[in-house]
Amino acid sequence: MYEKLDVMNPQIRGYRSSDEESVVALGLRAWAPVFVSLETVLGAEIFRRLHPDWRADQDKAVRGVLADPAMRCLVAEAGPGPVGFVAAKLDQDRLVGEIYMLAVDPAVQGQGIGTALTEMATDWLRTSGMRVAMIDTGGDPGHAAARRLYEQADYTPLPVARYFKAL
């Protein structure tokens, strides 16, 4: 699909409403392995209770982020359309900026697009006057690549334990 594209030098630009369908679709492709990992870690019963239709929930979450005027959304484009996106927001009271959502199409993961998007979002947080930047991600195997990316970008992990029980 992307083999002839120059994904090593994607154009990173502001999100446009015409990107919505492509961004939602690439997000769903990017997060599919994460949800497989979550089901493995949590077990089928808890996973089904938490995520009866993860695709519909993620579709709605991405669309909500893209429509939120408080979010700064950037798109990485290589060739005919988006191959990645990032959304960040500011907490002016605490001066903490958050990289809220990041996804790269699986067909081009591992080629620096996530790094470039993370750097651009972090720079935006810094130039917006934030004193701290924050990113949340999962501790399961499906989020291992995200954890590596964030640690390579000099983010410090704070381990958190979250427990689930089917009721």
C-alpha atoms as a PDB file:
ATOM      1  CA  MET A   1       0.000   0.000   0.000  1.00  0.00           C
ATOM      2  CA  TYR A   2       2.723   2.511   1.011  1.00  0.00           C
ATOM      3  CA  GLU A   3       5.875   0.857  -0.337  1.00  0.00           C
ATOM      4  CA  LYS A   4       6.646   3.655  -2.824  1.00  0.00           C
ATOM      5  CA  LEU A   5       5.910   6.537  -0.472  1.00  0.00           C
ATOM      6  CA  ASP A   6       8.592   8.611   1.193  1.00  0.00           C
ATOM      7  CA  VAL A   7       7.439   7.787   4.706  1.00  0.00           C
ATOM      8  CA  MET A   8      10.812   8.762   6.120  1.00  0.00           C
ATOM      9  CA  ASN A   9       9.929  12.401   5.383  1.00  0.00           C
ATOM     10  CA  PRO A  10       6.197  12.753   5.861  1.00  0.00           C
ATOM     11  CA  GLN A  11       4.622  16.163   5.694  1.00  0.00           C
ATOM     12  CA  ILE A  12       3.234  17.054   9.110  1.00  0.00           C
ATOM     13  CA  ARG A  13       0.454  19.582   8.971  1.00  0.00           C
ATOM     14  CA  GLY A  14      -2.640  20.677  10.797  1.00  0.00           C
ATOM     15  CA  TYR A  15      -5.672  18.409  10.698  1.00  0.00           C
ATOM     16  CA  ARG A  16      -8.368  19.280   8.140  1.00  0.00           C
ATOM     17  CA  SER A  17     -11.963  18.089   8.331  1.00  0.00           C
ATOM     18  CA  SER A  18     -11.452  16.318   4.989  1.00  0.00           C
ATOM     19  CA  ASP A  19      -8.960  14.030   6.823  1.00  0.00           C
ATOM     20  CA  GLU A  20     -11.584  12.665   9.209  1.00  0.00           C
ATOM     21  CA  GLU A  21     -12.455   9.362   7.523  1.00  0.00           C
ATOM     22  CA  SER A  22      -8.814   8.526   6.743  1.00  0.00           C
ATOM     23  CA  VAL A  23      -7.676   9.382  10.272  1.00  0.00           C
ATOM     24  CA  VAL A  24     -10.436   7.320  11.894  1.00  0.00           C
ATOM     25  CA  ALA A  25      -9.671   4.354   9.625  1.00  0.00           C
ATOM     26  CA  LEU A  26      -5.919   4.446  10.265  1.00  0.00           C
ATOM     27  CA  GLY A  27      -6.572   4.770  13.995  1.00  0.00           C
ATOM     28  CA  LEU A  28      -8.735   1.653  13.973  1.00  0.00           C
ATOM     29  CA  ARG A  29      -6.035  -0.256  12.061  1.00  0.00           C
ATOM     30  CA  ALA A  30      -3.365   0.974  14.457  1.00  0.00           C
ATOM     31  CA  TRP A  31      -5.285   0.033  17.596  1.00  0.00           C
ATOM     32  CA  ALA A  32      -6.518  -3.401  16.453  1.00  0.00           C
ATOM     33  CA  PRO A  33      -3.410  -5.209  17.823  1.00  0.00           C
ATOM     34  CA  VAL A  34      -3.700  -3.246  21.070  1.00  0.00           C
ATOM     35  CA  PHE A  35      -7.226  -4.509  21.632  1.00  0.00           C
ATOM     36  CA  VAL A  36      -6.125  -8.086  20.837  1.00  0.00           C
ATOM     37  CA  SER A  37      -3.446  -7.669  23.503  1.00  0.00           C
ATOM     38  CA  LEU A  38      -5.940  -6.254  25.995  1.00  0.00           C
ATOM     39  CA  GLU A  39      -8.259  -9.201  25.460  1.00  0.00           C
ATOM     40  CA  THR A  40      -5.364 -11.602  26.048  1.00  0.00           C
ATOM     41  CA  VAL A  41      -4.280  -9.834  29.240  1.00  0.00           C
ATOM     42  CA  LEU A  42      -7.752  -9.210  30.674  1.00  0.00           C
ATOM     43  CA  GLY A  43      -9.412 -12.408  29.503  1.00  0.00           C
ATOM     44  CA  ALA A  44     -12.411 -12.604  27.191  1.00  0.00           C
ATOM     45  CA  GLU A  45     -15.071 -12.013  29.849  1.00  0.00           C
ATOM     46  CA  ILE A  46     -13.674  -8.780  31.294  1.00  0.00           C
ATOM     47  CA  PHE A  47     -12.627  -7.569  27.841  1.00  0.00           C
ATOM     48  CA  ARG A  48     -16.185  -8.039  26.498  1.00  0.00           C
ATOM     49  CA  ARG A  49     -17.636  -6.182  29.462  1.00  0.00           C
ATOM     50  CA  LEU A  50     -15.216  -3.266  29.036  1.00  0.00           C
ATOM     51  CA  HIS A  51     -15.204  -3.238  25.234  1.00  0.00           C
ATOM     52  CA  PRO A  52     -18.379  -4.795  23.797  1.00  0.00           C
ATOM     53  CA  ASP A  53     -17.621  -3.005  20.500  1.00  0.00           C
ATOM     54  CA  TRP A  54     -14.166  -1.475  20.696  1.00  0.00           C
ATOM     55  CA  ARG A  55     -14.235  -0.378  17.044  1.00  0.00           C
ATOM     56  CA  ALA A  56     -17.385   1.707  17.548  1.00  0.00           C
ATOM     57  CA  ASP A  57     -15.989   3.146  20.789  1.00  0.00           C
ATOM     58  CA  GLN A  58     -12.646   4.071  19.182  1.00  0.00           C
ATOM     59  CA  ASP A  59     -14.381   5.492  16.123  1.00  0.00           C
ATOM     60  CA  LYS A  60     -16.423   7.746  18.409  1.00  0.00           C
ATOM     61  CA  ALA A  61     -13.378   8.671  20.525  1.00  0.00           C
ATOM     62  CA  VAL A  62     -11.272   9.678  17.511  1.00  0.00           C
ATOM     63  CA  ARG A  63     -14.097  11.694  15.978  1.00  0.00           C
ATOM     64  CA  GLY A  64     -14.645  13.409  19.318  1.00  0.00           C
ATOM     65  CA  VAL A  65     -10.984  14.352  19.618  1.00  0.00           C
ATOM     66  CA  LEU A  66     -10.850  15.630  16.041  1.00  0.00           C
ATOM     67  CA  ALA A  67     -13.928  17.799  16.653  1.00  0.00           C
ATOM     68  CA  ASP A  68     -12.758  19.149  20.019  1.00  0.00           C
ATOM     69  CA  PRO A  69     -11.626  22.781  19.631  1.00  0.00           C
ATOM     70  CA  ALA A  70      -9.396  22.391  22.715  1.00  0.00           C
ATOM     71  CA  MET A  71      -7.290  19.782  20.903  1.00  0.00           C
ATOM     72  CA  ARG A  72      -4.367  20.549  18.630  1.00  0.00           C
ATOM     73  CA  CYS A  73      -4.449  17.827  15.970  1.00  0.00           C
ATOM     74  CA  LEU A  74      -1.642  17.190  13.513  1.00  0.00           C
ATOM     75  CA  VAL A  75      -1.558  14.756  10.610  1.00  0.00           C
ATOM     76  CA  ALA A  76       1.420  13.027   9.028  1.00  0.00           C
ATOM     77  CA  GLU A  77       0.837  12.723   5.307  1.00  0.00           C
ATOM     78  CA  ALA A  78       2.830  10.609   2.870  1.00  0.00           C
ATOM     79  CA  GLY A  79       1.436  10.266  -0.619  1.00  0.00           C
ATOM     80  CA  PRO A  80      -2.298  10.206  -1.042  1.00  0.00           C
ATOM     81  CA  GLY A  81      -3.320  10.835   2.531  1.00  0.00           C
ATOM     82  CA  PRO A  82      -2.755  10.600   6.280  1.00  0.00           C
ATOM     83  CA  VAL A  83      -0.514   7.859   7.650  1.00  0.00           C
ATOM     84  CA  GLY A  84      -0.540   9.094  11.242  1.00  0.00           C
ATOM     85  CA  PHE A  85      -1.985  11.670  13.588  1.00  0.00           C
ATOM     86  CA  VAL A  86      -1.503  13.117  17.038  1.00  0.00           C
ATOM     87  CA  ALA A  87      -3.803  15.138  19.283  1.00  0.00           C
ATOM     88  CA  ALA A  88      -2.602  17.226  22.217  1.00  0.00           C
ATOM     89  CA  LYS A  89      -4.244  19.535  24.721  1.00  0.00           C
ATOM     90  CA  LEU A  90      -3.247  22.114  27.293  1.00  0.00           C
ATOM     91  CA  ASP A  91      -4.088  22.421  30.977  1.00  0.00           C
ATOM     92  CA  GLN A  92      -3.425  26.117  31.515  1.00  0.00           C
ATOM     93  CA  ASP A  93      -4.135  25.903  35.255  1.00  0.00           C
ATOM     94  CA  ARG A  94      -1.473  23.272  35.946  1.00  0.00           C
ATOM     95  CA  LEU A  95       0.720  24.150  32.931  1.00  0.00           C
ATOM     96  CA  VAL A  96       0.667  20.498  31.920  1.00  0.00           C
ATOM     97  CA  GLY A  97       0.241  19.546  28.293  1.00  0.00           C
ATOM     98  CA  GLU A  98      -0.956  16.116  27.292  1.00  0.00           C
ATOM     99  CA  ILE A  99      -0.386  14.129  24.159  1.00  0.00           C
ATOM    100  CA  TYR A 100      -3.844  12.644  24.265  1.00  0.00           C
ATOM    101  CA  MET A 101      -3.984  10.409  21.206  1.00  0.00           C
ATOM    102  CA  LEU A 102      -1.410   9.127  18.722  1.00  0.00           C
ATOM    103  CA  ALA A 103      -1.743   6.586  15.942  1.00  0.00           C
ATOM    104  CA  VAL A 104       0.353   5.503  12.970  1.00  0.00           C
ATOM    105  CA  ASP A 105      -0.926   3.221  10.240  1.00  0.00           C
ATOM    106  CA  PRO A 106       0.515  -0.275  10.836  1.00  0.00           C
ATOM    107  CA  ALA A 107       1.740  -0.387   7.222  1.00  0.00           C
ATOM    108  CA  VAL A 108       4.289   2.345   8.020  1.00  0.00           C
ATOM    109  CA  GLN A 109       4.979   1.866  11.727  1.00  0.00           C
ATOM    110  CA  GLY A 110       8.602   1.754  12.792  1.00  0.00           C
ATOM    111  CA  GLN A 111       9.698   4.333  10.222  1.00  0.00           C
ATOM    112  CA  GLY A 112       9.848   7.423  12.441  1.00  0.00           C
ATOM    113  CA  ILE A 113       6.367   8.825  11.874  1.00  0.00           C
ATOM    114  CA  GLY A 114       5.277   8.358  15.493  1.00  0.00           C
ATOM    115  CA  THR A 115       8.536   9.947  16.633  1.00  0.00           C
ATOM    116  CA  ALA A 116       8.040  12.939  14.343  1.00  0.00           C
ATOM    117  CA  LEU A 117       4.442  13.418  15.507  1.00  0.00           C
ATOM    118  CA  THR A 118       5.465  13.110  19.163  1.00  0.00           C
ATOM    119  CA  GLU A 119       8.255  15.662  18.697  1.00  0.00           C
ATOM    120  CA  MET A 120       5.950  18.130  16.944  1.00  0.00           C
ATOM    121  CA  ALA A 121       3.277  17.785  19.638  1.00  0.00           C
ATOM    122  CA  THR A 122       5.864  18.117  22.408  1.00  0.00           C
ATOM    123  CA  ASP A 123       7.292  21.239  20.761  1.00  0.00           C
ATOM    124  CA  TRP A 124       3.788  22.714  20.579  1.00  0.00           C
ATOM    125  CA  LEU A 125       3.253  22.018  24.279  1.00  0.00           C
ATOM    126  CA  ARG A 126       6.590  23.670  25.114  1.00  0.00           C
ATOM    127  CA  THR A 127       5.971  26.770  22.988  1.00  0.00           C
ATOM    128  CA  SER A 128       2.484  27.042  24.497  1.00  0.00           C
ATOM    129  CA  GLY A 129       4.077  27.593  27.892  1.00  0.00           C
ATOM    130  CA  MET A 130       3.534  24.171  29.436  1.00  0.00           C
ATOM    131  CA  ARG A 131       6.060  23.166  32.103  1.00  0.00           C
ATOM    132  CA  VAL A 132       5.402  19.434  31.863  1.00  0.00           C
ATOM    133  CA  ALA A 133       4.289  17.187  29.020  1.00  0.00           C
ATOM    134  CA  MET A 134       2.433  13.947  29.696  1.00  0.00           C
ATOM    135  CA  ILE A 135       1.449  10.844  27.698  1.00  0.00           C
ATOM    136  CA  ASP A 136      -0.564   7.854  28.955  1.00  0.00           C
ATOM    137  CA  THR A 137      -0.296   4.379  27.473  1.00  0.00           C
ATOM    138  CA  GLY A 138      -0.921   0.805  28.494  1.00  0.00           C
ATOM    139  CA  GLY A 139       1.471  -1.587  30.199  1.00  0.00           C
ATOM    140  CA  ASP A 140       0.332  -4.599  28.177  1.00  0.00           C
ATOM    141  CA  PRO A 141       2.380  -6.124  25.334  1.00  0.00           C
ATOM    142  CA  GLY A 142       0.210  -4.373  22.713  1.00  0.00           C
ATOM    143  CA  HIS A 143       1.484  -0.991  23.918  1.00  0.00           C
ATOM    144  CA  ALA A 144       5.189  -1.963  23.981  1.00  0.00           C
ATOM    145  CA  ALA A 145       6.021   0.021  20.833  1.00  0.00           C
ATOM    146  CA  ALA A 146       4.310   3.114  22.248  1.00  0.00           C
ATOM    147  CA  ARG A 147       6.278   2.813  25.491  1.00  0.00           C
ATOM    148  CA  ARG A 148       9.552   2.524  23.540  1.00  0.00           C
ATOM    149  CA  LEU A 149       8.683   5.575  21.447  1.00  0.00           C
ATOM    150  CA  TYR A 150       7.847   7.717  24.488  1.00  0.00           C
ATOM    151  CA  GLU A 151      10.949   6.644  26.384  1.00  0.00           C
ATOM    152  CA  GLN A 152      13.130   7.392  23.331  1.00  0.00           C
ATOM    153  CA  ALA A 153      11.520  10.855  23.293  1.00  0.00           C
ATOM    154  CA  ASP A 154      12.797  11.326  26.895  1.00  0.00           C
ATOM    155  CA  TYR A 155       9.442  10.895  28.627  1.00  0.00           C
ATOM    156  CA  THR A 156       9.755   9.307  32.088  1.00  0.00           C
ATOM    157  CA  PRO A 157       7.405   6.402  32.818  1.00  0.00           C
ATOM    158  CA  LEU A 158       5.401   6.288  36.027  1.00  0.00           C
ATOM    159  CA  PRO A 159       4.154   2.722  36.493  1.00  0.00           C
ATOM    160  CA  VAL A 160       0.514   2.463  37.529  1.00  0.00           C
ATOM    161  CA  ALA A 161      -1.344  -0.660  38.565  1.00  0.00           C
ATOM    162  CA  ARG A 162      -4.982  -0.922  37.525  1.00  0.00           C
ATOM    163  CA  TYR A 163      -6.986  -3.971  38.530  1.00  0.00           C
ATOM    164  CA  PHE A 164     -10.199  -5.362  37.012  1.00  0.00           C
ATOM    165  CA  LYS A 165     -12.739  -7.888  38.218  1.00  0.00           C
ATOM    166  CA  ALA A 166     -15.829  -9.144  36.398  1.00  0.00           C
ATOM    167  CA  LEU A 167     -18.991  -8.538  38.423  1.00  0.00           C
END
